[in-house]
Amino acid sequence: MTLAESPPTVASVVSRLATWARDYAPTAEDLALADRALQDTAAVTLAARDHPISRIVAGMPEGARWSTLGHVLDFDDLHLESTTHISVVIVPTVLACGGDASAYLAGAGVMARLGMALGWPHYSSGWHATCTAGAPAAAVAAGLTMGLDDEQLATAIALAIPAAGGVQAAFGSHAKSLQVGFAVDAGIRAAALAQAGASANPAAVDDWLSLVGGDPARLIIDGPAVPGGLAIKQFPCCYAMQRPIAALRDVADRLPADVDAITGMRVSTPGSGMQPLIHDNPTTGLAAKFSMPYAVATGILDDYSGFAEFYDDAVLRPAAQQLMSRVRVEQTPTGSNLLDGEVTIVVETADGSISTSMANPPGSPTRPPTRAEMVAKFASCGVDVPDLVTDLTWQAAPQMLRENLTATTHAAAGAPPARR
């Protein structure tokens, strides 16, 4: 019986992923996705250069530091099928190891496939799948860049498993982005150890996958590098907040100018869309990035929900606190990812109500951003960012990050957008 014909046991999953990663031949579409992922990740990483966490991570290795900065604003891309932030793990890993688009696609593909094998039950039980799927995938991306063979890649995956953790309870604190950085560091370290001759039993993944609710039967080897593509965020907050904010922007001209006229807001959403939104009464910008009430408040109050709208002082605005207290969320039967079904919001006033619904927000795989929209996002990340990232190459990116992440003064959010 050949490897391809063997039953999909957990032990064989490691070998199948390693073989797939080495043998995969990128298509033109894959390479375009990789370049967009590089540009998007570089932009959101530069946008965090003055974030307080930049001082905290100053002593961390490059890959972990870049990953933490790239994730702290929650503006990085998402793979919906696995509920993982693929690029903020794999791009810094590849850049720190001197790799290219092919290494990114191999690592991204492993992360997508492993995340899909972990499945929604894993995420909905409270795991941070970006970390659990990310550490072994980072080991693959780093290992290919280091020239590891299939057996060494399998060893690297197994060596990364002890660090394949992270929980959603960290959402709304520095720990969320830090644990993503830890996953990158673990993957690079595992690949280096495998290259040096460390041994590991790939069957050790057996226990791990079972313990965290994964199913090897869900492993998909064929298809594009990243099945389903990547969702590109339009607002710097959890992906589960993208469509309520966008839905309210669609009816902005119908909302009352005086927010005191709003008596209540009813949100109907599949329960899966609420899974990461663990903060009902946020008082900090980080917590507000994981709050449905704040998604509604900023969607009503602000012409655009950008970086400034997720500063602490914006969250503490009396109008925002007032609106959040009037939000009622009704969860319909849960789905299997953050974009199942649609969100419906009813804004109630003394004169009637305004209703809006949305299934797929701008930037989702079915509504991919145009180049102009990407450039606009880059511009929101900093005045100089468009020139730095629109034509960025994998070879030039590491030095660009090294040079630009040393800045100590930078208006990361640009000019604050207008507020109502």
Foldseek 3Di string as FASTA:
>chain_A
DDLVPDPLAQLSLLLLLLVLLVPPDADPVLLVLLLLLLLQLLLQLLLQLQPPCLVVCVPPQQLLSSLLSSPQLQQAKAQWLLRARLSSLQLSLQLSLVHFSSLSLSLSLQLQLQSNQLFLVLVLVWWHSNQLSRLLSSLSSNLVSVPHHSQLSLQLSQQSNVLSTHGLVCQLHSVRSNSSSVSNVSSNVSSVCSVVPDGDRSCVVNVVSVVSRGHSVSGDSDDHSNPQGMFGAPERAHPLLRALLQQLLVCQVVDDPDLVQWQAKEKEEAPQSLSSLPDLQDQALRNLSRYNLLSNLCSRWFNGRYPVCSGNVNCVPPSSNVSSVRYDYDHDHHDGTNQPDKMKMWTDGPVGIDITMDRDGARRSVRNDDPVSSLVVSCQQFPCSSVVRPPDGSNCSSVVCVVSSVDNDGNRRPDDGDTD
